[in-house]
Amino acid sequence: MINVIWAGLAIIGIVFAMINGTISDVNEAIFKGAKEAVTLCIGLISILVFWLGMMKIAEHAGLLDKLAKLFKPFISRLFPDVPKDHPAMGYILSNMMANLFGLGNAATPLGIKAMEQLKALNGESTEASRSMITFLAINTSSITLIPTTIIAIRMNYGSASPTDIVGTTLIATICSTISAILIDRYFYYRRSRKG
């Protein structure tokens, strides 16, 4: 459905530009946007490779395991339906650690694996379980200590101090995560009372 919407928007834009006589401006914008996208991607790759390497070092040093153990009691309370030794718990914790370090690209496969495990726990039902909804809410709003992607974008566009965003990002993501948990719990308890 999304493909149809994007294709429709592109066709409408091109037809409108042809009617208005601004098709040359559209062509220029397309090629300029493509060039900027490639430049941005190459700039992001270097930053992401650096932080993925740092995360690998942290993993081999045992830092990620220690962080996972530190957060496990809290995560177990957030996901009471998931057994503590189930693979889903490991994927959830790994996803959260990757998001904590601003590695959304690395966190995505872990999030997908976590959802697959949560779906298996849910008996392959087509309806989302409590844990699946909670995980989606937290994953969407996750706390970020180091927003690597934003820092990379700011560096690519010549920011004088690209890391200035760290403090505000931390505050914003803490607020969004707390809000996501509170909203998730509110709707869960409201639905439980009705059912």
Protein backbone atom coordinates (compact mmCIF):
# COMPACT_ATOMS: atom_id res chain seq x y z
CA MET A 1 0.00 0.00 0.00
CA ILE A 2 2.84 2.40 0.86
CA ASN A 3 4.40 1.75 -2.57
CA VAL A 4 1.14 2.76 -4.23
CA ILE A 5 0.96 5.97 -2.16
CA TRP A 6 4.57 6.94 -3.00
CA ALA A 7 4.13 6.11 -6.67
CA GLY A 8 0.90 8.14 -6.72
CA LEU A 9 2.58 11.14 -5.09
CA ALA A 10 5.48 10.99 -7.58
CA ILE A 11 3.13 10.76 -10.58
CA ILE A 12 0.95 13.62 -9.32
CA GLY A 13 4.06 15.77 -8.74
CA ILE A 14 5.45 15.09 -12.22
CA VAL A 15 2.09 15.71 -13.93
CA PHE A 16 1.65 18.95 -11.95
CA ALA A 17 5.20 20.05 -12.92
CA MET A 18 4.47 19.31 -16.60
CA ILE A 19 1.25 21.37 -16.47
CA ASN A 20 3.02 24.24 -14.65
CA GLY A 21 6.06 24.11 -16.91
CA THR A 22 8.45 23.47 -14.03
CA ILE A 23 9.59 19.99 -15.06
CA SER A 24 13.22 21.22 -15.36
CA ASP A 25 13.09 22.28 -11.67
CA VAL A 26 11.78 18.82 -10.74
CA ASN A 27 14.59 17.14 -12.70
CA GLU A 28 17.18 19.34 -11.01
CA ALA A 29 15.72 18.58 -7.56
CA ILE A 30 15.71 14.83 -8.27
CA PHE A 31 19.38 14.74 -9.26
CA LYS A 32 20.47 17.11 -6.49
CA GLY A 33 18.54 15.05 -3.92
CA ALA A 34 20.07 11.80 -5.20
CA LYS A 35 23.58 13.27 -4.97
CA GLU A 36 22.97 14.51 -1.41
CA ALA A 37 21.52 11.12 -0.41
CA VAL A 38 24.62 9.27 -1.63
CA THR A 39 26.95 11.77 0.11
CA LEU A 40 24.97 11.45 3.33
CA CYS A 41 24.95 7.64 3.20
CA ILE A 42 28.72 7.47 2.71
CA GLY A 43 29.21 9.85 5.64
CA LEU A 44 26.88 7.78 7.82
CA ILE A 45 28.64 4.54 6.95
CA SER A 46 31.92 5.71 8.49
CA ILE A 47 30.25 6.75 11.75
CA LEU A 48 28.12 3.60 11.96
CA VAL A 49 31.12 1.36 11.27
CA PHE A 50 33.04 3.12 14.05
CA TRP A 51 30.23 2.71 16.60
CA LEU A 52 29.46 -0.86 15.53
CA GLY A 53 33.14 -1.60 16.07
CA MET A 54 32.99 0.04 19.50
CA MET A 55 29.92 -2.04 20.31
CA LYS A 56 31.74 -5.21 19.22
CA ILE A 57 34.66 -4.28 21.49
CA ALA A 58 32.20 -3.65 24.34
CA GLU A 59 30.58 -7.02 23.64
CA HIS A 60 33.94 -8.87 23.71
CA ALA A 61 34.96 -6.99 26.87
CA GLY A 62 31.75 -8.15 28.56
CA LEU A 63 30.33 -4.64 28.94
CA LEU A 64 27.11 -5.46 27.06
CA ASP A 65 26.55 -8.56 29.22
CA LYS A 66 27.03 -6.46 32.36
CA LEU A 67 24.62 -3.81 31.07
CA ALA A 68 22.11 -6.53 30.14
CA LYS A 69 22.37 -8.04 33.66
CA LEU A 70 21.95 -4.57 35.15
CA PHE A 71 18.77 -3.92 33.15
CA LYS A 72 17.37 -7.47 33.29
CA PRO A 73 15.34 -7.04 36.53
CA PHE A 74 13.72 -3.89 35.14
CA ILE A 75 13.09 -5.48 31.73
CA SER A 76 11.62 -8.59 33.40
CA ARG A 77 9.06 -6.35 35.11
CA LEU A 78 8.20 -4.67 31.82
CA PHE A 79 7.71 -8.07 30.15
CA PRO A 80 6.17 -10.32 32.83
CA ASP A 81 4.79 -12.72 30.18
CA VAL A 82 8.30 -13.53 28.87
CA PRO A 83 10.25 -16.21 30.79
CA LYS A 84 13.59 -14.85 32.05
CA ASP A 85 15.68 -17.42 30.15
CA HIS A 86 13.68 -17.27 26.91
CA PRO A 87 15.61 -16.17 23.76
CA ALA A 88 13.15 -13.27 23.36
CA MET A 89 14.55 -11.67 26.52
CA GLY A 90 18.08 -11.78 25.10
CA TYR A 91 16.98 -10.19 21.82
CA ILE A 92 14.97 -7.52 23.67
CA LEU A 93 17.99 -6.64 25.84
CA SER A 94 20.37 -6.63 22.84
CA ASN A 95 17.97 -4.40 20.89
CA MET A 96 17.75 -1.98 23.80
CA MET A 97 21.55 -1.86 24.20
CA ALA A 98 21.99 -1.11 20.48
CA ASN A 99 19.36 1.65 20.67
CA LEU A 100 21.00 3.00 23.83
CA PHE A 101 24.15 3.66 21.80
CA GLY A 102 22.20 5.17 18.91
CA LEU A 103 22.72 2.21 16.59
CA GLY A 104 19.20 1.97 15.20
CA ASN A 105 20.46 0.15 12.09
CA ALA A 106 22.10 -2.52 14.24
CA ALA A 107 19.09 -2.66 16.56
CA THR A 108 16.59 -3.39 13.77
CA PRO A 109 17.55 -7.05 13.10
CA LEU A 110 17.61 -7.68 16.85
CA GLY A 111 14.16 -6.11 17.16
CA ILE A 112 12.82 -8.31 14.35
CA LYS A 113 14.25 -11.41 16.06
CA ALA A 114 12.71 -10.31 19.37
CA MET A 115 9.31 -9.91 17.69
CA GLU A 116 9.62 -13.35 16.08
CA GLN A 117 10.35 -14.89 19.49
CA LEU A 118 7.49 -12.96 21.11
CA LYS A 119 5.16 -14.14 18.34
CA ALA A 120 6.23 -17.74 19.00
CA LEU A 121 5.48 -17.20 22.71
CA ASN A 122 2.07 -15.86 21.67
CA GLY A 123 1.27 -19.13 19.91
CA GLU A 124 1.76 -17.63 16.42
CA SER A 125 -1.48 -15.67 16.95
CA THR A 126 -2.30 -12.87 14.50
CA GLU A 127 -3.20 -10.62 17.44
CA ALA A 128 -0.32 -8.82 19.18
CA SER A 129 0.42 -9.91 22.74
CA ARG A 130 0.93 -7.58 25.68
CA SER A 131 4.71 -8.08 25.43
CA MET A 132 4.74 -7.37 21.69
CA ILE A 133 2.89 -4.09 22.19
CA THR A 134 5.15 -3.07 25.07
CA PHE A 135 8.28 -3.93 23.07
CA LEU A 136 7.08 -1.93 20.06
CA ALA A 137 6.31 1.10 22.26
CA ILE A 138 9.71 0.99 23.99
CA ASN A 139 11.62 0.24 20.78
CA THR A 140 10.00 3.21 19.05
CA SER A 141 10.80 5.63 21.87
CA SER A 142 14.06 4.09 23.13
CA ILE A 143 16.50 5.95 25.36
CA THR A 144 19.58 7.03 23.40
CA LEU A 145 22.86 7.96 25.07
CA ILE A 146 24.82 8.65 21.89
CA PRO A 147 22.74 9.64 18.82
CA THR A 148 25.33 8.46 16.29
CA THR A 149 23.17 8.99 13.21
CA ILE A 150 22.30 12.59 14.14
CA ILE A 151 25.93 13.33 15.00
CA ALA A 152 27.00 11.95 11.61
CA ILE A 153 24.41 14.06 9.77
CA ARG A 154 25.50 17.18 11.66
CA MET A 155 29.16 16.42 10.81
CA ASN A 156 28.30 15.95 7.12
CA TYR A 157 26.62 19.35 7.00
CA GLY A 158 29.56 21.13 8.65
CA SER A 159 28.26 21.65 12.19
CA ALA A 160 30.80 23.43 14.40
CA SER A 161 29.93 21.16 17.33
CA PRO A 162 28.00 18.10 16.14
CA THR A 163 27.85 16.49 19.60
CA ASP A 164 25.87 19.36 21.17
CA ILE A 165 22.75 17.29 20.50
CA VAL A 166 23.72 14.56 23.01
CA GLY A 167 22.24 16.18 26.14
CA THR A 168 18.95 17.20 24.58
CA THR A 169 18.61 13.82 22.85
CA LEU A 170 19.11 12.04 26.17
CA ILE A 171 16.46 14.18 27.89
CA ALA A 172 14.01 13.83 24.97
CA THR A 173 14.42 10.05 24.72
CA ILE A 174 14.09 9.56 28.49
CA CYS A 175 10.82 11.54 28.39
CA SER A 176 9.56 9.63 25.34
CA THR A 177 10.41 6.23 26.86
CA ILE A 178 8.74 7.03 30.18
CA SER A 179 5.69 8.32 28.29
CA ALA A 180 5.59 5.18 26.11
CA ILE A 181 5.70 2.91 29.18
CA LEU A 182 3.01 4.91 31.00
CA ILE A 183 0.71 5.00 27.96
CA ASP A 184 1.28 1.28 27.33
CA ARG A 185 0.42 0.42 30.93
CA TYR A 186 -2.61 2.74 30.95
CA PHE A 187 -4.16 1.09 27.91
CA TYR A 188 -3.24 -2.40 29.12
CA TYR A 189 -4.94 -1.90 32.51
CA ARG A 190 -7.90 -0.16 30.91
CA ARG A 191 -8.40 -3.06 28.52
CA SER A 192 -7.94 -5.58 31.38
CA ARG A 193 -10.74 -3.92 33.39
CA LYS A 194 -13.09 -4.02 30.41
CA GLY A 195 -12.28 -7.66 29.64
